[in-house]
C-alpha atoms as a PDB file:
ATOM      1  CA  MET A   1       3.558-132.559  40.994  1.00  0.00           C
ATOM      2  CA  ASP A   2       1.467-130.432  38.619  1.00  0.00           C
ATOM      3  CA  GLU A   3       2.411-129.434  35.098  1.00  0.00           C
ATOM      4  CA  LYS A   4       3.265-125.807  35.979  1.00  0.00           C
ATOM      5  CA  THR A   5       5.776-126.912  38.585  1.00  0.00           C
ATOM      6  CA  ILE A   6       7.460-129.282  36.124  1.00  0.00           C
ATOM      7  CA  LYS A   7       7.751-126.548  33.482  1.00  0.00           C
ATOM      8  CA  LEU A   8       9.242-124.157  36.091  1.00  0.00           C
ATOM      9  CA  LEU A   9      11.857-126.735  37.122  1.00  0.00           C
ATOM     10  CA  ASP A  10      12.751-127.399  33.489  1.00  0.00           C
ATOM     11  CA  LYS A  11      13.263-123.684  32.869  1.00  0.00           C
ATOM     12  CA  THR A  12      15.417-123.372  36.021  1.00  0.00           C
ATOM     13  CA  PHE A  13      17.575-126.333  34.980  1.00  0.00           C
ATOM     14  CA  ILE A  14      18.045-124.950  31.477  1.00  0.00           C
ATOM     15  CA  LEU A  15      18.951-121.509  32.859  1.00  0.00           C
ATOM     16  CA  ALA A  16      21.501-123.037  35.248  1.00  0.00           C
ATOM     17  CA  ALA A  17      23.013-125.113  32.465  1.00  0.00           C
ATOM     18  CA  VAL A  18      23.300-122.073  30.209  1.00  0.00           C
ATOM     19  CA  LEU A  19      24.913-120.119  33.040  1.00  0.00           C
ATOM     20  CA  VAL A  20      27.489-122.870  33.701  1.00  0.00           C
ATOM     21  CA  VAL A  21      28.325-123.162  30.023  1.00  0.00           C
ATOM     22  CA  GLY A  22      28.692-119.399  29.799  1.00  0.00           C
ATOM     23  CA  ILE A  23      31.102-119.326  32.718  1.00  0.00           C
ATOM     24  CA  LEU A  24      33.188-122.141  31.196  1.00  0.00           C
ATOM     25  CA  VAL A  25      33.315-120.374  27.859  1.00  0.00           C
ATOM     26  CA  PHE A  26      34.407-117.157  29.593  1.00  0.00           C
ATOM     27  CA  PHE A  27      37.285-118.781  31.461  1.00  0.00           C
ATOM     28  CA  VAL A  28      38.452-120.766  28.437  1.00  0.00           C
ATOM     29  CA  GLY A  29      38.386-117.562  26.426  1.00  0.00           C
ATOM     30  CA  GLN A  30      40.470-115.771  29.037  1.00  0.00           C
ATOM     31  CA  ILE A  31      43.064-118.532  29.048  1.00  0.00           C
ATOM     32  CA  LEU A  32      43.317-118.535  25.273  1.00  0.00           C
ATOM     33  CA  LEU A  33      43.549-114.748  25.258  1.00  0.00           C
ATOM     34  CA  GLN A  34      46.353-114.764  27.812  1.00  0.00           C
ATOM     35  CA  ASN A  35      48.264-117.428  25.897  1.00  0.00           C
ATOM     36  CA  LYS A  36      47.861-115.478  22.700  1.00  0.00           C
ATOM     37  CA  SER A  37      49.028-112.321  24.456  1.00  0.00           C
ATOM     38  CA  VAL A  38      52.117-114.102  25.785  1.00  0.00           C
ATOM     39  CA  ASP A  39      52.854-115.528  22.340  1.00  0.00           C
ATOM     40  CA  LEU A  40      52.516-112.097  20.765  1.00  0.00           C
ATOM     41  CA  GLN A  41      54.682-110.574  23.435  1.00  0.00           C
ATOM     42  CA  ASN A  42      57.380-113.198  22.883  1.00  0.00           C
ATOM     43  CA  GLN A  43      57.151-112.649  19.135  1.00  0.00           C
ATOM     44  CA  ASN A  44      57.716-108.927  19.694  1.00  0.00           C
ATOM     45  CA  GLN A  45      60.977-109.415  21.592  1.00  0.00           C
ATOM     46  CA  VAL A  46      64.561-109.961  20.583  1.00  0.00           C
ATOM     47  CA  THR A  47      67.527-110.923  22.761  1.00  0.00           C
ATOM     48  CA  VAL A  48      71.157-110.073  22.026  1.00  0.00           C
ATOM     49  CA  SER A  49      74.296-110.866  23.984  1.00  0.00           C
ATOM     50  CA  GLY A  50      77.710-109.372  24.513  1.00  0.00           C
ATOM     51  CA  THR A  51      80.847-110.506  26.318  1.00  0.00           C
ATOM     52  CA  GLY A  52      83.369-108.361  28.144  1.00  0.00           C
ATOM     53  CA  LYS A  53      86.835-109.604  29.064  1.00  0.00           C
ATOM     54  CA  VAL A  54      89.252-108.019  31.495  1.00  0.00           C
ATOM     55  CA  TYR A  55      92.753-109.253  32.290  1.00  0.00           C
ATOM     56  CA  ALA A  56      94.068-108.409  35.733  1.00  0.00           C
ATOM     57  CA  LYS A  57      97.197-109.294  37.634  1.00  0.00           C
ATOM     58  CA  PRO A  58      96.426-111.472  40.688  1.00  0.00           C
ATOM     59  CA  ASP A  59      97.214-109.966  44.063  1.00  0.00           C
ATOM     60  CA  VAL A  60      96.761-113.065  46.259  1.00  0.00           C
ATOM     61  CA  ALA A  61      98.307-116.528  46.149  1.00  0.00           C
ATOM     62  CA  LEU A  62      96.663-119.457  47.952  1.00  0.00           C
ATOM     63  CA  VAL A  63      98.637-122.539  48.910  1.00  0.00           C
ATOM     64  CA  ILE A  64      97.895-125.642  50.986  1.00  0.00           C
ATOM     65  CA  LEU A  65     100.496-126.738  53.544  1.00  0.00           C
ATOM     66  CA  GLY A  66      99.946-130.087  55.220  1.00  0.00           C
ATOM     67  CA  VAL A  67     101.518-132.240  57.899  1.00  0.00           C
ATOM     68  CA  THR A  68     100.808-135.974  58.129  1.00  0.00           C
ATOM     69  CA  THR A  69     102.252-137.984  61.021  1.00  0.00           C
ATOM     70  CA  GLN A  70     101.862-141.505  62.373  1.00  0.00           C
ATOM     71  CA  ALA A  71     102.294-142.957  65.863  1.00  0.00           C
ATOM     72  CA  LYS A  72     101.066-145.858  67.972  1.00  0.00           C
ATOM     73  CA  THR A  73      98.832-143.805  70.260  1.00  0.00           C
ATOM     74  CA  VAL A  74      96.454-140.920  69.781  1.00  0.00           C
ATOM     75  CA  ALA A  75      98.387-138.834  72.283  1.00  0.00           C
ATOM     76  CA  ASP A  76     101.695-139.350  70.477  1.00  0.00           C
ATOM     77  CA  VAL A  77     100.376-138.703  66.981  1.00  0.00           C
ATOM     78  CA  THR A  78      98.543-135.583  68.164  1.00  0.00           C
ATOM     79  CA  LYS A  79     101.633-134.174  69.870  1.00  0.00           C
ATOM     80  CA  ASN A  80     103.952-134.950  66.959  1.00  0.00           C
ATOM     81  CA  ASN A  81     101.583-133.459  64.409  1.00  0.00           C
ATOM     82  CA  THR A  82     100.835-130.376  66.504  1.00  0.00           C
ATOM     83  CA  ASP A  83     104.531-129.670  67.126  1.00  0.00           C
ATOM     84  CA  LYS A  84     105.324-129.875  63.416  1.00  0.00           C
ATOM     85  CA  MET A  85     102.327-127.817  62.317  1.00  0.00           C
ATOM     86  CA  ASN A  86     103.065-125.129  64.905  1.00  0.00           C
ATOM     87  CA  ALA A  87     106.633-124.946  63.587  1.00  0.00           C
ATOM     88  CA  VAL A  88     105.325-124.601  60.034  1.00  0.00           C
ATOM     89  CA  ILE A  89     102.903-121.844  61.020  1.00  0.00           C
ATOM     90  CA  GLU A  90     105.553-119.945  62.963  1.00  0.00           C
ATOM     91  CA  ALA A  91     107.899-120.131  59.981  1.00  0.00           C
ATOM     92  CA  VAL A  92     105.166-118.801  57.697  1.00  0.00           C
ATOM     93  CA  LYS A  93     104.351-115.970  60.103  1.00  0.00           C
ATOM     94  CA  GLY A  94     108.039-115.152  60.303  1.00  0.00           C
ATOM     95  CA  LEU A  95     107.993-114.499  56.560  1.00  0.00           C
ATOM     96  CA  GLY A  96     105.311-111.824  56.912  1.00  0.00           C
ATOM     97  CA  VAL A  97     102.007-113.753  56.624  1.00  0.00           C
ATOM     98  CA  ASP A  98      99.318-112.432  58.977  1.00  0.00           C
ATOM     99  CA  GLU A  99      97.530-114.856  61.281  1.00  0.00           C
ATOM    100  CA  LYS A 100      94.182-113.966  59.664  1.00  0.00           C
ATOM    101  CA  ASP A 101      95.534-115.288  56.371  1.00  0.00           C
ATOM    102  CA  ILE A 102      96.179-118.786  57.776  1.00  0.00           C
ATOM    103  CA  GLN A 103      93.145-121.073  57.938  1.00  0.00           C
ATOM    104  CA  THR A 104      92.880-124.743  58.939  1.00  0.00           C
ATOM    105  CA  THR A 105      91.105-126.605  56.139  1.00  0.00           C
ATOM    106  CA  ASN A 106      91.542-130.229  57.217  1.00  0.00           C
ATOM    107  CA  TYR A 107      92.101-132.138  60.476  1.00  0.00           C
ATOM    108  CA  ASN A 108      91.690-135.873  60.036  1.00  0.00           C
ATOM    109  CA  LEU A 109      92.620-138.536  62.609  1.00  0.00           C
ATOM    110  CA  THR A 110      92.302-142.160  61.441  1.00  0.00           C
ATOM    111  CA  PRO A 111      93.495-145.527  62.779  1.00  0.00           C
ATOM    112  CA  THR A 112      96.042-147.572  60.859  1.00  0.00           C
ATOM    113  CA  TYR A 113      95.538-151.307  60.472  1.00  0.00           C
ATOM    114  CA  SER A 114      97.649-154.386  59.950  1.00  0.00           C
ATOM    115  CA  ALA A 115      96.596-157.893  58.914  1.00  0.00           C
ATOM    116  CA  GLN A 116      97.370-160.620  61.468  1.00  0.00           C
ATOM    117  CA  SER A 117      97.187-164.293  60.492  1.00  0.00           C
ATOM    118  CA  ALA A 118      95.446-166.850  62.764  1.00  0.00           C
ATOM    119  CA  PRO A 119      97.619-169.890  63.789  1.00  0.00           C
ATOM    120  CA  SER A 120      97.132-173.246  62.070  1.00  0.00           C
ATOM    121  CA  GLY A 121      95.398-176.023  64.061  1.00  0.00           C
ATOM    122  CA  GLN A 122      95.313-179.833  64.276  1.00  0.00           C
ATOM    123  CA  GLY A 123      92.675-182.073  62.746  1.00  0.00           C
ATOM    124  CA  GLU A 124      91.252-185.385  63.926  1.00  0.00           C
ATOM    125  CA  GLY A 125      93.793-188.193  64.405  1.00  0.00           C
ATOM    126  CA  GLY A 126      96.490-185.756  65.461  1.00  0.00           C
ATOM    127  CA  TYR A 127      97.688-184.724  62.029  1.00  0.00           C
ATOM    128  CA  THR A 128      98.388-181.057  61.386  1.00  0.00           C
ATOM    129  CA  MET A 129      95.914-179.258  59.231  1.00  0.00           C
ATOM    130  CA  PRO A 130      97.364-177.391  56.273  1.00  0.00           C
ATOM    131  CA  TYR A 131      97.942-173.712  56.966  1.00  0.00           C
ATOM    132  CA  ILE A 132      95.034-171.616  55.868  1.00  0.00           C
ATOM    133  CA  PRO A 133      95.671-167.931  56.479  1.00  0.00           C
ATOM    134  CA  GLU A 134      92.793-166.290  58.248  1.00  0.00           C
ATOM    135  CA  ARG A 135      93.626-162.650  58.498  1.00  0.00           C
ATOM    136  CA  THR A 136      92.224-160.308  61.095  1.00  0.00           C
ATOM    137  CA  MET A 137      92.664-156.555  60.838  1.00  0.00           C
ATOM    138  CA  ILE A 138      93.986-155.043  64.033  1.00  0.00           C
ATOM    139  CA  VAL A 139      94.715-151.418  64.934  1.00  0.00           C
ATOM    140  CA  THR A 140      98.455-150.798  65.010  1.00  0.00           C
ATOM    141  CA  GLY A 141      98.476-147.034  65.371  1.00  0.00           C
ATOM    142  CA  TYR A 142      97.029-143.768  64.206  1.00  0.00           C
ATOM    143  CA  SER A 143      97.565-141.293  61.378  1.00  0.00           C
ATOM    144  CA  LEU A 144      96.812-137.587  61.683  1.00  0.00           C
ATOM    145  CA  GLU A 145      96.632-135.226  58.722  1.00  0.00           C
ATOM    146  CA  GLN A 146      96.315-131.487  59.214  1.00  0.00           C
ATOM    147  CA  ASP A 147      96.215-128.937  56.391  1.00  0.00           C
ATOM    148  CA  VAL A 148      96.201-125.158  56.427  1.00  0.00           C
ATOM    149  CA  GLN A 149      95.497-122.763  53.590  1.00  0.00           C
ATOM    150  CA  VAL A 150      97.876-119.829  53.502  1.00  0.00           C
ATOM    151  CA  LYS A 151      97.005-116.593  51.754  1.00  0.00           C
ATOM    152  CA  ILE A 152     100.178-114.940  50.472  1.00  0.00           C
ATOM    153  CA  ARG A 153     100.018-111.271  49.490  1.00  0.00           C
ATOM    154  CA  ASN A 154     103.731-110.694  48.888  1.00  0.00           C
ATOM    155  CA  PHE A 155     104.561-112.823  45.875  1.00  0.00           C
ATOM    156  CA  THR A 156     108.298-112.444  46.416  1.00  0.00           C
ATOM    157  CA  LYS A 157     107.851-114.579  49.554  1.00  0.00           C
ATOM    158  CA  ILE A 158     106.094-117.539  47.875  1.00  0.00           C
ATOM    159  CA  GLY A 159     109.246-119.532  47.230  1.00  0.00           C
ATOM    160  CA  ASP A 160     110.616-118.854  50.711  1.00  0.00           C
ATOM    161  CA  ILE A 161     107.321-119.879  52.336  1.00  0.00           C
ATOM    162  CA  LEU A 162     107.204-123.169  50.433  1.00  0.00           C
ATOM    163  CA  SER A 163     110.827-123.919  51.213  1.00  0.00           C
ATOM    164  CA  GLN A 164     110.648-122.999  54.914  1.00  0.00           C
ATOM    165  CA  ALA A 165     107.341-124.811  55.468  1.00  0.00           C
ATOM    166  CA  THR A 166     108.644-128.087  54.076  1.00  0.00           C
ATOM    167  CA  SER A 167     111.911-127.784  55.969  1.00  0.00           C
ATOM    168  CA  LYS A 168     109.931-127.396  59.218  1.00  0.00           C
ATOM    169  CA  GLY A 169     107.926-130.567  58.665  1.00  0.00           C
ATOM    170  CA  ALA A 170     105.229-129.931  56.066  1.00  0.00           C
ATOM    171  CA  ASN A 171     105.153-133.050  53.879  1.00  0.00           C
ATOM    172  CA  LEU A 172     102.516-131.570  51.601  1.00  0.00           C
ATOM    173  CA  ALA A 173     102.855-128.211  49.860  1.00  0.00           C
ATOM    174  CA  GLY A 174     100.726-127.664  46.807  1.00  0.00           C
ATOM    175  CA  ASP A 175      97.475-126.637  45.149  1.00  0.00           C
ATOM    176  CA  LEU A 176      98.954-123.221  44.552  1.00  0.00           C
ATOM    177  CA  GLN A 177      96.536-120.854  42.849  1.00  0.00           C
ATOM    178  CA  PHE A 178      96.448-117.160  42.112  1.00  0.00           C
ATOM    179  CA  THR A 179      93.378-115.021  42.496  1.00  0.00           C
ATOM    180  CA  ILE A 180      92.190-111.459  43.032  1.00  0.00           C
ATOM    181  CA  ASP A 181      91.178-110.493  46.540  1.00  0.00           C
ATOM    182  CA  ASN A 182      88.602-107.916  45.401  1.00  0.00           C
ATOM    183  CA  PRO A 183      87.533-108.663  41.809  1.00  0.00           C
ATOM    184  CA  GLU A 184      84.471-106.370  41.838  1.00  0.00           C
ATOM    185  CA  GLN A 185      86.214-103.422  40.164  1.00  0.00           C
ATOM    186  CA  PHE A 186      87.364-105.647  37.301  1.00  0.00           C
ATOM    187  CA  LYS A 187      83.938-107.274  37.106  1.00  0.00           C
ATOM    188  CA  GLU A 188      82.333-103.830  36.670  1.00  0.00           C
ATOM    189  CA  GLU A 189      84.769-103.032  33.870  1.00  0.00           C
ATOM    190  CA  ALA A 190      84.014-106.338  32.130  1.00  0.00           C
ATOM    191  CA  ARG A 191      80.270-105.757  32.580  1.00  0.00           C
ATOM    192  CA  ALA A 192      80.473-102.322  30.966  1.00  0.00           C
ATOM    193  CA  LYS A 193      82.291-103.830  27.978  1.00  0.00           C
ATOM    194  CA  ALA A 194      79.708-106.613  27.702  1.00  0.00           C
ATOM    195  CA  ILE A 195      76.765-104.178  27.761  1.00  0.00           C
ATOM    196  CA  ALA A 196      78.413-101.967  25.137  1.00  0.00           C
ATOM    197  CA  GLN A 197      78.995-104.967  22.888  1.00  0.00           C
ATOM    198  CA  ALA A 198      75.422-106.235  23.376  1.00  0.00           C
ATOM    199  CA  LYS A 199      74.000-102.816  22.441  1.00  0.00           C
ATOM    200  CA  ALA A 200      76.230-102.648  19.374  1.00  0.00           C
ATOM    201  CA  ASN A 201      75.047-106.116  18.360  1.00  0.00           C
ATOM    202  CA  ALA A 202      71.439-104.970  18.824  1.00  0.00           C
ATOM    203  CA  ARG A 203      71.977-101.948  16.592  1.00  0.00           C
ATOM    204  CA  ASN A 204      73.587-104.084  13.887  1.00  0.00           C
ATOM    205  CA  LEU A 205      70.763-106.615  14.106  1.00  0.00           C
ATOM    206  CA  ALA A 206      68.139-103.890  13.743  1.00  0.00           C
ATOM    207  CA  LYS A 207      69.977-102.363  10.802  1.00  0.00           C
ATOM    208  CA  GLU A 208      70.392-105.649   8.957  1.00  0.00           C
ATOM    209  CA  SER A 209      66.883-106.988   9.661  1.00  0.00           C
ATOM    210  CA  GLY A 210      64.931-103.747   9.407  1.00  0.00           C
ATOM    211  CA  ILE A 211      63.217-104.101  12.779  1.00  0.00           C
ATOM    212  CA  ASN A 212      62.684-101.189  15.130  1.00  0.00           C
ATOM    213  CA  LEU A 213      63.928-101.745  18.648  1.00  0.00           C
ATOM    214  CA  GLY A 214      62.067-100.439  21.656  1.00  0.00           C
ATOM    215  CA  LYS A 215      63.176-100.258  25.263  1.00  0.00           C
ATOM    216  CA  ILE A 216      65.210-102.883  27.107  1.00  0.00           C
ATOM    217  CA  ILE A 217      62.840-105.034  29.143  1.00  0.00           C
ATOM    218  CA  ASN A 218      65.208-107.631  30.608  1.00  0.00           C
ATOM    219  CA  VAL A 219      68.891-107.992  31.497  1.00  0.00           C
ATOM    220  CA  TYR A 220      70.651-111.259  32.385  1.00  0.00           C
ATOM    221  CA  GLU A 221      74.276-111.579  33.474  1.00  0.00           C
ATOM    222  CA  ASN A 222      76.733-114.483  33.550  1.00  0.00           C
ATOM    223  CA  TYR A 223      79.962-113.997  35.454  1.00  0.00           C
ATOM    224  CA  TYR A 224      82.973-116.229  34.883  1.00  0.00           C
ATOM    225  CA  PRO A 225      85.910-115.640  37.222  1.00  0.00           C
ATOM    226  CA  ILE A 226      88.821-117.798  36.130  1.00  0.00           C
ATOM    227  CA  ALA A 227      91.431-118.765  38.713  1.00  0.00           C
ATOM    228  CA  TYR A 228      94.552-120.501  37.518  1.00  0.00           C
ATOM    229  CA  ASN A 229      96.073-123.346  39.529  1.00  0.00           C
ATOM    230  CA  THR A 230      99.792-123.920  39.421  1.00  0.00           C
ATOM    231  CA  SER A 231     100.637-127.597  39.603  1.00  0.00           C
ATOM    232  CA  ILE A 232     103.247-127.486  42.347  1.00  0.00           C
ATOM    233  CA  LYS A 233     103.437-130.212  44.971  1.00  0.00           C
ATOM    234  CA  ALA A 234     106.107-131.229  47.414  1.00  0.00           C
ATOM    235  CA  MET A 235     105.464-134.455  49.295  1.00  0.00           C
ATOM    236  CA  GLY A 236     107.753-136.450  51.533  1.00  0.00           C
ATOM    237  CA  GLY A 237     110.071-135.687  54.389  1.00  0.00           C
ATOM    238  CA  GLY A 238     110.644-132.029  53.670  1.00  0.00           C
ATOM    239  CA  ILE A 239     113.138-129.882  51.783  1.00  0.00           C
ATOM    240  CA  PRO A 240     116.406-128.908  53.433  1.00  0.00           C
ATOM    241  CA  ASP A 241     117.200-125.233  54.005  1.00  0.00           C
ATOM    242  CA  SER A 242     119.970-125.433  51.407  1.00  0.00           C
ATOM    243  CA  ALA A 243     117.570-126.414  48.609  1.00  0.00           C
ATOM    244  CA  PRO A 244     117.025-123.800  45.890  1.00  0.00           C
ATOM    245  CA  VAL A 245     113.948-121.617  46.316  1.00  0.00           C
ATOM    246  CA  PRO A 246     111.420-122.186  43.494  1.00  0.00           C
ATOM    247  CA  THR A 247     110.549-119.270  41.243  1.00  0.00           C
ATOM    248  CA  ILE A 248     106.807-118.684  40.918  1.00  0.00           C
ATOM    249  CA  GLN A 249     105.168-116.657  38.128  1.00  0.00           C
ATOM    250  CA  PRO A 250     101.609-115.410  38.877  1.00  0.00           C
ATOM    251  CA  GLY A 251     100.733-114.459  35.292  1.00  0.00           C
ATOM    252  CA  GLN A 252      97.344-112.782  34.875  1.00  0.00           C
ATOM    253  CA  GLN A 253      93.720-113.665  35.510  1.00  0.00           C
ATOM    254  CA  GLU A 254      90.875-113.463  33.015  1.00  0.00           C
ATOM    255  CA  ILE A 255      87.493-112.145  34.130  1.00  0.00           C
ATOM    256  CA  ASP A 256      84.571-112.712  31.748  1.00  0.00           C
ATOM    257  CA  VAL A 257      81.074-111.239  31.968  1.00  0.00           C
ATOM    258  CA  THR A 258      78.326-112.091  29.472  1.00  0.00           C
ATOM    259  CA  ILE A 259      75.251-109.855  29.266  1.00  0.00           C
ATOM    260  CA  ASN A 260      71.963-110.755  27.542  1.00  0.00           C
ATOM    261  CA  LEU A 261      69.709-107.794  26.694  1.00  0.00           C
ATOM    262  CA  THR A 262      66.075-108.329  25.711  1.00  0.00           C
ATOM    263  CA  TYR A 263      64.467-105.543  23.643  1.00  0.00           C
ATOM    264  CA  GLN A 264      60.885-104.892  22.712  1.00  0.00           C
ATOM    265  CA  VAL A 265      60.281-104.826  18.966  1.00  0.00           C
ATOM    266  CA  LYS A 266      58.063-101.966  17.843  1.00  0.00           C
END
């Protein structure tokens, strides 16, 4: 290879190396510039928050009614449980609850077991071995639990529904909670209060700090519906028709909305 060819290759290699270095420097510069731009953008922002609360009277009560039965065969336990649950549902419907407001939430069939001891045996020489209980679990029957959730819209019927359901065979009546069927209107009211408070906080912040606020560039919302559970449970063999009807107070429900507003700082 002659000297001219070697010099040409050297120049080509140097040019390629310079080009590669230039490209690397360009991309590194772009990354640093973007990071700096993001940092500056974040430095030129401020976020304020506001919370709006609305108190509304619940219009729906939810209660769980359950029937648990036991029998020796699957057929018997299914029939017994179904007969009792159907009686409970019919009683609830008779008090004005629509069928669409009754929903099965649990249907659980499980075997029941009993421990059976193995008989003692005889050892060598004819003497009786001491009794050592060896227990074997055997299936003695079946247990079926069925629960329905009932949505009650007429609060004056809550006590009657609980009383009638248990008298017809429901051995579980509880998890009573009050809620709002359509909370959106109250959520909008709480949101408006939260935004107004956030804007007022932004104005106070600007006044106290001396910064100039620009336009809103981001909005974030947190919604906190609060449902209150009433600790009422009736378990056992049912309540007779002559038992006093419980008095239920629905109270009110709190709906909270928190709004975060992010402003540009001029």
